[in-house]
Protein backbone atom coordinates (compact mmCIF):
# COMPACT_ATOMS: atom_id res chain seq x y z
CA MET A 1 67.38 -9.88 79.48
CA THR A 2 63.65 -9.88 80.03
CA GLU A 3 61.64 -7.82 77.59
CA THR A 4 59.23 -5.34 79.08
CA GLN A 5 56.48 -3.37 77.44
CA ALA A 6 57.00 0.31 76.89
CA PRO A 7 55.25 2.38 79.56
CA ILE A 8 52.08 4.20 78.59
CA PRO A 9 52.84 7.92 78.14
CA PRO A 10 51.23 9.95 80.94
CA THR A 11 49.61 12.18 78.33
CA ALA A 12 48.10 9.33 76.30
CA PRO A 13 44.51 10.15 75.32
CA GLY A 14 41.66 7.96 76.47
CA PRO A 15 40.38 5.30 74.06
CA GLU A 16 38.08 6.62 71.35
CA ILE A 17 37.95 4.00 68.60
CA ILE A 18 37.29 1.04 70.88
CA PRO A 19 34.18 2.42 72.67
CA ARG A 20 32.85 3.90 69.44
CA LEU A 21 32.99 0.54 67.69
CA GLY A 22 31.48 -1.26 70.67
CA ALA A 23 28.58 1.20 70.89
CA GLY A 24 27.60 0.58 67.26
CA VAL A 25 26.86 -3.11 67.78
CA PRO A 26 23.81 -2.79 70.08
CA GLU A 27 22.38 -0.06 67.83
CA ALA A 28 22.57 -2.32 64.79
CA CYS A 29 21.06 -5.21 66.76
CA ALA A 30 18.15 -2.99 67.85
CA MET A 31 17.43 -2.17 64.20
CA LEU A 32 17.57 -5.87 63.33
CA ALA A 33 15.09 -6.73 66.12
CA GLY A 34 12.73 -4.04 64.88
CA MET A 35 12.86 -5.53 61.38
CA GLN A 36 12.33 -9.07 62.67
CA LEU A 37 9.30 -8.03 64.75
CA GLU A 38 7.93 -5.90 61.87
CA ILE A 39 7.48 -2.99 64.27
CA PHE A 40 7.76 -0.44 61.47
CA THR A 41 5.05 -2.11 59.40
CA HIS A 42 2.69 -2.12 62.39
CA LEU A 43 3.28 1.62 62.80
CA ALA A 44 2.67 2.40 59.12
CA ASP A 45 -0.86 3.74 59.46
CA ALA A 46 -0.73 5.64 62.75
CA PRO A 47 1.31 6.10 65.94
CA ARG A 48 0.66 3.60 68.72
CA ASP A 49 1.50 3.34 72.38
CA ALA A 50 3.57 0.44 73.66
CA ALA A 51 0.59 -1.46 75.10
CA THR A 52 -1.39 -1.35 71.84
CA LEU A 53 1.62 -2.35 69.81
CA ALA A 54 2.50 -5.18 72.21
CA THR A 55 -1.03 -6.57 71.85
CA ALA A 56 -0.79 -6.42 68.04
CA LEU A 57 2.57 -8.23 68.12
CA ASN A 58 1.49 -10.65 70.87
CA VAL A 59 4.52 -9.82 73.03
CA GLU A 60 5.16 -8.54 76.54
CA GLU A 61 4.78 -4.77 76.81
CA ASN A 62 7.72 -4.14 79.16
CA ARG A 63 10.25 -5.90 76.94
CA LEU A 64 8.89 -4.31 73.77
CA GLN A 65 8.96 -0.84 75.32
CA ARG A 66 12.71 -1.12 75.98
CA LEU A 67 13.30 -1.79 72.30
CA LEU A 68 10.97 1.02 71.23
CA TYR A 69 12.94 3.59 73.22
CA ALA A 70 16.17 2.20 71.76
CA LEU A 71 14.75 2.66 68.25
CA VAL A 72 13.86 6.23 69.14
CA ALA A 73 17.41 6.81 70.36
CA ILE A 74 18.91 5.65 67.03
CA GLY A 75 16.46 7.68 64.93
CA LEU A 76 14.22 4.99 63.45
CA LEU A 77 11.22 5.86 65.63
CA GLU A 78 9.84 9.09 67.06
CA GLN A 79 8.10 9.36 70.43
CA GLN A 80 5.50 11.92 71.45
CA ASP A 81 2.80 11.97 74.14
CA GLY A 82 3.36 8.32 74.97
CA THR A 83 3.03 7.03 71.42
CA PHE A 84 5.60 5.81 68.92
CA ALA A 85 5.74 6.56 65.18
CA ASN A 86 8.07 5.77 62.32
CA SER A 87 10.75 8.26 61.40
CA SER A 88 10.74 9.40 57.77
CA GLU A 89 13.52 6.92 56.90
CA ALA A 90 11.78 3.99 58.58
CA ALA A 91 8.51 4.91 56.86
CA ALA A 92 10.19 4.88 53.46
CA TYR A 93 12.38 1.78 53.80
CA LEU A 94 11.12 -0.46 56.60
CA VAL A 95 7.36 -0.73 55.96
CA LYS A 96 6.46 -3.97 54.19
CA GLY A 97 4.74 -3.48 50.86
CA ARG A 98 6.21 -0.06 50.09
CA PRO A 99 8.32 0.28 46.91
CA MET A 100 11.65 0.89 48.66
CA TYR A 101 11.19 -1.75 51.38
CA LEU A 102 14.44 -3.07 52.86
CA GLY A 103 13.12 -4.71 56.01
CA GLY A 104 13.07 -8.15 54.44
CA MET A 105 16.85 -8.22 54.46
CA HIS A 106 16.82 -8.97 58.21
CA GLU A 107 17.24 -12.67 57.40
CA LEU A 108 20.36 -11.95 55.38
CA LEU A 109 21.76 -9.47 57.93
CA SER A 110 21.32 -12.00 60.69
CA GLN A 111 23.36 -14.56 58.74
CA LEU A 112 26.09 -12.08 57.83
CA TRP A 113 26.50 -10.69 61.34
CA HIS A 114 26.61 -14.20 62.78
CA ALA A 115 29.38 -14.94 60.30
CA ASP A 116 31.37 -11.88 61.35
CA LEU A 117 31.37 -13.12 64.95
CA ASN A 118 33.38 -16.13 63.72
CA THR A 119 36.29 -14.20 62.18
CA ALA A 120 38.91 -15.22 64.74
CA GLN A 121 37.78 -18.84 64.54
CA SER A 122 37.98 -18.82 60.72
CA ILE A 123 41.56 -17.62 60.96
CA ARG A 124 42.47 -20.21 63.58
CA LEU A 125 40.91 -23.05 61.60
CA GLY A 126 42.18 -21.91 58.21
CA LYS A 127 38.68 -22.35 56.77
CA PRO A 128 35.30 -20.58 57.00
CA ALA A 129 33.76 -21.09 60.43
CA ALA A 130 30.31 -19.99 59.20
CA LEU A 131 30.44 -21.70 55.83
CA HIS A 132 27.58 -21.01 53.44
CA ASP A 133 27.21 -24.56 52.20
CA PHE A 134 24.46 -24.06 49.63
CA GLY A 135 24.43 -27.75 48.81
CA ALA A 136 23.67 -28.72 52.41
CA ALA A 137 21.08 -25.97 52.98
CA SER A 138 17.45 -26.99 52.98
CA ASP A 139 15.01 -25.50 50.50
CA GLY A 140 13.57 -23.46 53.36
CA GLU A 141 16.96 -22.02 54.28
CA MET A 142 17.73 -21.23 50.65
CA ALA A 143 14.33 -19.61 50.16
CA ALA A 144 14.87 -17.44 53.27
CA MET A 145 18.21 -16.29 51.94
CA LEU A 146 16.70 -15.46 48.54
CA ARG A 147 13.89 -13.49 50.16
CA GLY A 148 16.43 -11.57 52.20
CA MET A 149 18.41 -10.71 49.08
CA HIS A 150 15.43 -9.77 46.91
CA ALA A 151 15.12 -6.17 48.14
CA ASN A 152 18.78 -5.61 47.31
CA THR A 153 18.31 -6.94 43.76
CA LEU A 154 15.40 -4.56 43.24
CA ASN A 155 17.41 -1.63 44.54
CA ALA A 156 20.27 -2.61 42.26
CA GLY A 157 17.84 -2.53 39.34
CA ARG A 158 16.66 0.97 40.24
CA ASP A 159 20.24 2.13 40.53
CA PHE A 160 21.04 0.65 37.11
CA LEU A 161 18.13 2.57 35.57
CA LYS A 162 19.60 5.82 36.89
CA ARG A 163 23.13 5.08 35.69
CA PHE A 164 22.87 3.15 32.43
CA ASP A 165 20.84 3.26 29.23
CA PHE A 166 19.50 -0.09 27.99
CA SER A 167 17.29 1.37 25.26
CA CYS A 168 19.50 -0.10 22.51
CA CYS A 169 19.56 -3.56 24.08
CA ARG A 170 17.26 -6.30 22.88
CA SER A 171 18.42 -9.10 25.18
CA VAL A 172 20.10 -9.01 28.60
CA VAL A 173 21.08 -12.04 30.70
CA ASP A 174 21.44 -11.87 34.48
CA VAL A 175 24.04 -14.50 35.44
CA GLY A 176 23.70 -15.79 38.99
CA GLY A 177 20.98 -13.21 39.57
CA GLY A 178 19.28 -14.96 42.49
CA THR A 179 15.62 -13.94 42.45
CA GLY A 180 16.00 -11.98 39.20
CA GLY A 181 14.93 -8.69 40.75
CA LEU A 182 17.60 -6.75 38.87
CA ILE A 183 16.71 -8.00 35.39
CA ALA A 184 12.96 -7.80 36.14
CA THR A 185 13.32 -4.12 37.06
CA LEU A 186 15.08 -3.44 33.76
CA CYS A 187 12.38 -5.30 31.82
CA GLN A 188 9.65 -3.29 33.52
CA ALA A 189 11.34 -0.05 32.45
CA TYR A 190 12.11 -1.18 28.88
CA PRO A 191 9.07 -2.89 27.31
CA HIS A 192 11.09 -4.10 24.31
CA LEU A 193 13.73 -5.84 26.43
CA GLN A 194 13.92 -9.62 26.72
CA GLY A 195 15.49 -10.68 30.00
CA THR A 196 16.96 -14.02 31.03
CA LEU A 197 17.81 -15.21 34.53
CA PHE A 198 20.66 -17.74 34.33
CA GLU A 199 20.88 -19.66 37.60
CA LEU A 200 21.72 -23.01 39.14
CA PRO A 201 18.74 -25.41 38.91
CA ARG A 202 17.63 -25.36 42.55
CA THR A 203 18.05 -21.61 42.91
CA ALA A 204 16.11 -21.08 39.70
CA ARG A 205 13.28 -23.24 41.00
CA LEU A 206 13.08 -21.48 44.37
CA ALA A 207 13.31 -18.04 42.78
CA GLN A 208 10.53 -18.66 40.29
CA SER A 209 7.60 -17.67 42.52
CA ILE A 210 9.41 -14.56 43.79
CA LEU A 211 10.23 -13.50 40.24
CA ARG A 212 6.66 -14.00 39.01
CA ASP A 213 5.39 -11.67 41.77
CA THR A 214 7.92 -8.99 40.81
CA PRO A 215 6.93 -6.22 38.36
CA GLY A 216 8.59 -7.05 35.04
CA GLY A 217 9.25 -10.64 36.11
CA ASP A 218 6.71 -12.05 33.68
CA ARG A 219 9.04 -11.01 30.84
CA VAL A 220 12.08 -12.78 32.28
CA ALA A 221 12.87 -16.26 30.99
CA ILE A 222 14.62 -18.64 33.39
CA GLU A 223 17.51 -20.73 32.09
CA GLU A 224 19.10 -23.33 34.33
CA GLY A 225 22.86 -23.69 34.11
CA ASP A 226 26.25 -23.26 35.76
CA ILE A 227 28.38 -20.36 34.54
CA LEU A 228 31.51 -22.29 35.55
CA GLY A 229 30.58 -25.06 33.14
CA ALA A 230 29.20 -23.29 30.07
CA PRO A 231 27.90 -19.93 28.84
CA PRO A 232 24.20 -19.08 28.73
CA SER A 233 22.55 -20.07 25.46
CA GLY A 234 22.17 -17.59 22.62
CA THR A 235 23.79 -14.20 22.31
CA HIS A 236 23.00 -11.08 24.29
CA ASP A 237 23.63 -7.36 24.21
CA ALA A 238 24.58 -7.24 27.87
CA VAL A 239 25.49 -9.57 30.73
CA LEU A 240 24.88 -8.73 34.39
CA MET A 241 26.97 -10.42 37.08
CA ARG A 242 25.93 -9.19 40.51
CA ALA A 243 27.37 -10.52 43.80
CA LEU A 244 28.86 -13.48 41.95
CA ILE A 245 32.58 -12.95 41.37
CA GLN A 246 33.11 -12.24 45.07
CA VAL A 247 32.03 -15.79 46.06
CA LEU A 248 34.45 -17.52 43.68
CA SER A 249 38.13 -18.44 43.75
CA PRO A 250 40.40 -16.50 41.37
CA ALA A 251 40.46 -19.41 38.88
CA ASP A 252 36.67 -19.77 38.98
CA ALA A 253 36.20 -16.00 38.70
CA ALA A 254 38.28 -16.00 35.52
CA ARG A 255 36.29 -18.95 34.15
CA ALA A 256 32.94 -17.31 34.95
CA ILE A 257 33.91 -14.08 33.22
CA THR A 258 35.20 -15.97 30.17
CA ASN A 259 31.94 -17.91 29.86
CA ALA A 260 29.85 -14.79 30.39
CA ALA A 261 31.77 -12.93 27.69
CA ALA A 262 31.26 -15.85 25.31
CA CYS A 263 27.50 -15.15 25.08
CA LEU A 264 28.01 -11.44 24.39
CA LEU A 265 27.56 -9.93 20.96
CA SER A 266 30.57 -7.99 19.64
CA SER A 267 30.73 -4.62 21.40
CA GLY A 268 28.30 -5.98 23.99
CA THR A 269 28.66 -4.88 27.61
CA ILE A 270 29.36 -6.83 30.77
CA TYR A 271 28.46 -5.33 34.15
CA ILE A 272 30.12 -6.79 37.25
CA VAL A 273 28.54 -5.60 40.49
CA GLY A 274 29.90 -6.49 43.88
CA ALA A 275 30.13 -5.49 47.51
CA GLY A 276 33.79 -6.39 47.37
CA ILE A 277 35.59 -4.49 44.60
CA LEU A 278 38.76 -3.08 46.08
CA ASP A 279 41.22 -0.44 45.04
CA ASP A 280 44.58 -1.94 44.23
CA SER A 281 45.83 -0.74 47.64
CA ARG A 282 43.26 -3.07 49.29
CA LEU A 283 42.51 -0.30 51.80
CA SER A 284 39.43 1.21 50.16
CA PRO A 285 36.53 1.51 49.69
CA ARG A 286 36.20 1.02 53.42
CA GLN A 287 33.06 -1.14 53.18
CA ALA A 288 34.72 -3.47 50.69
CA VAL A 289 37.66 -3.95 53.06
CA PHE A 290 35.28 -5.32 55.69
CA TRP A 291 33.27 -7.36 53.21
CA ASN A 292 36.57 -9.09 52.46
CA VAL A 293 36.65 -10.21 56.10
CA THR A 294 33.03 -11.39 56.00
CA PHE A 295 33.64 -13.43 52.83
CA MET A 296 36.45 -15.27 54.62
CA ASN A 297 33.92 -16.57 57.14
CA LEU A 298 31.35 -17.61 54.54
CA TYR A 299 33.12 -18.99 51.48
CA GLN A 300 35.90 -21.47 50.86
CA ALA A 301 37.62 -19.22 48.35
CA GLY A 302 35.52 -16.07 47.87
CA ALA A 303 37.11 -12.68 48.39
CA ALA A 304 36.95 -8.99 47.58
CA TYR A 305 39.08 -8.67 44.45
CA THR A 306 40.90 -5.59 43.19
CA GLU A 307 40.20 -3.54 40.10
CA ALA A 308 43.43 -4.82 38.55
CA GLU A 309 42.39 -8.44 39.11
CA HIS A 310 39.02 -7.82 37.44
CA GLY A 311 40.77 -6.03 34.58
CA ALA A 312 43.10 -8.98 33.95
CA TRP A 313 40.23 -11.50 33.88
CA LEU A 314 38.23 -9.32 31.52
CA SER A 315 41.17 -8.79 29.19
CA ALA A 316 41.77 -12.54 29.00
CA ALA A 317 38.08 -12.94 28.08
CA GLY A 318 38.40 -10.47 25.20
CA CYS A 319 36.83 -7.51 26.99
CA GLU A 320 38.15 -4.05 27.77
CA LEU A 321 37.46 -2.43 31.13
CA VAL A 322 35.62 0.82 30.39
CA GLU A 323 34.97 2.24 33.84
CA ARG A 324 34.67 1.43 37.51
CA ILE A 325 32.03 3.09 39.65
CA THR A 326 32.13 3.15 43.43
CA LEU A 327 28.67 3.51 44.93
CA PRO A 328 27.87 5.44 48.14
CA THR A 329 27.38 2.08 49.89
CA GLY A 330 30.95 1.09 49.03
CA SER A 331 29.79 -1.48 46.49
CA GLY A 332 31.22 -1.20 43.00
CA ILE A 333 30.30 -1.64 39.37
CA ILE A 334 32.83 -2.57 36.71
CA VAL A 335 31.75 -1.95 33.12
CA ALA A 336 33.58 -3.67 30.28
CA ARG A 337 32.96 -4.00 26.55
CA LYS A 338 33.62 -7.00 24.33
CA ALA A 339 36.11 -6.26 21.60
CA ILE A 340 35.02 -6.33 17.96
CA PRO A 341 36.94 -9.08 16.09
CA GLY A 342 39.67 -7.85 13.76
């Protein structure tokens, strides 16, 4: 007997999810192009017409104008009397030099979205089709990635200041902190705080100039090391681990947490921050579910891990999970405290 597909019910509704998802891609790409061209920075002081803006950017007016109208349609620009101006959100977050600037992350977004296009291939090959091979990357490529991530580290620092009190801390180490924007932001807010950026040697070297230009960065010491091999030197009141556990295998994640906990004072606090911290159901937060797919394309063994998995690693390292916070972006923070001996 030949199998046949069930007929489509005559009352079946038209597709809704498929066109909605497809429509979101060009909108995101228009935003990315605007960031790459620095359109929003060029409109920071006053509205401009397409011809004036095209001259400033040294591009063809007709092609630029198409993008400008697209940016108006998605709400990042406003158009009036033939001129274009930033929307309030673009003015706050996409103008270079302003405190909340996010436009520099276009380099990172471009890499991540390219990786997502390789999902089917990663599954077919059984390995990441857009592998982030940090060892093979040139210094220029690594520096571009660090620049793209810097705005996110600064925003993470601001968020930490709103959520946590570091007034009783004397020393905090940021393990795998990239450019050190998170720990620098804490040091700027707490003049008594001594910060340390613990990073792999090449990353530490490339991050140094970015860190020195960051408010609070002059009070951050840089220690070269590998958290998979040994703990940071000395003892600290708190350890920060942002966007680190998600790039490691389960065995390496456990080892990293154990080594991080080893440099904590008794009753010290460890903060694990990640885009991929899942509920135990693995179905939420929604953003973390999709980060789990992205990680598959980028890393040999990285993944979005569940709260229970984090809890088990922390317990084995002598720490007790205190709370888990899910941020509006879908990222998460796990807070744990090192047990007092005896």
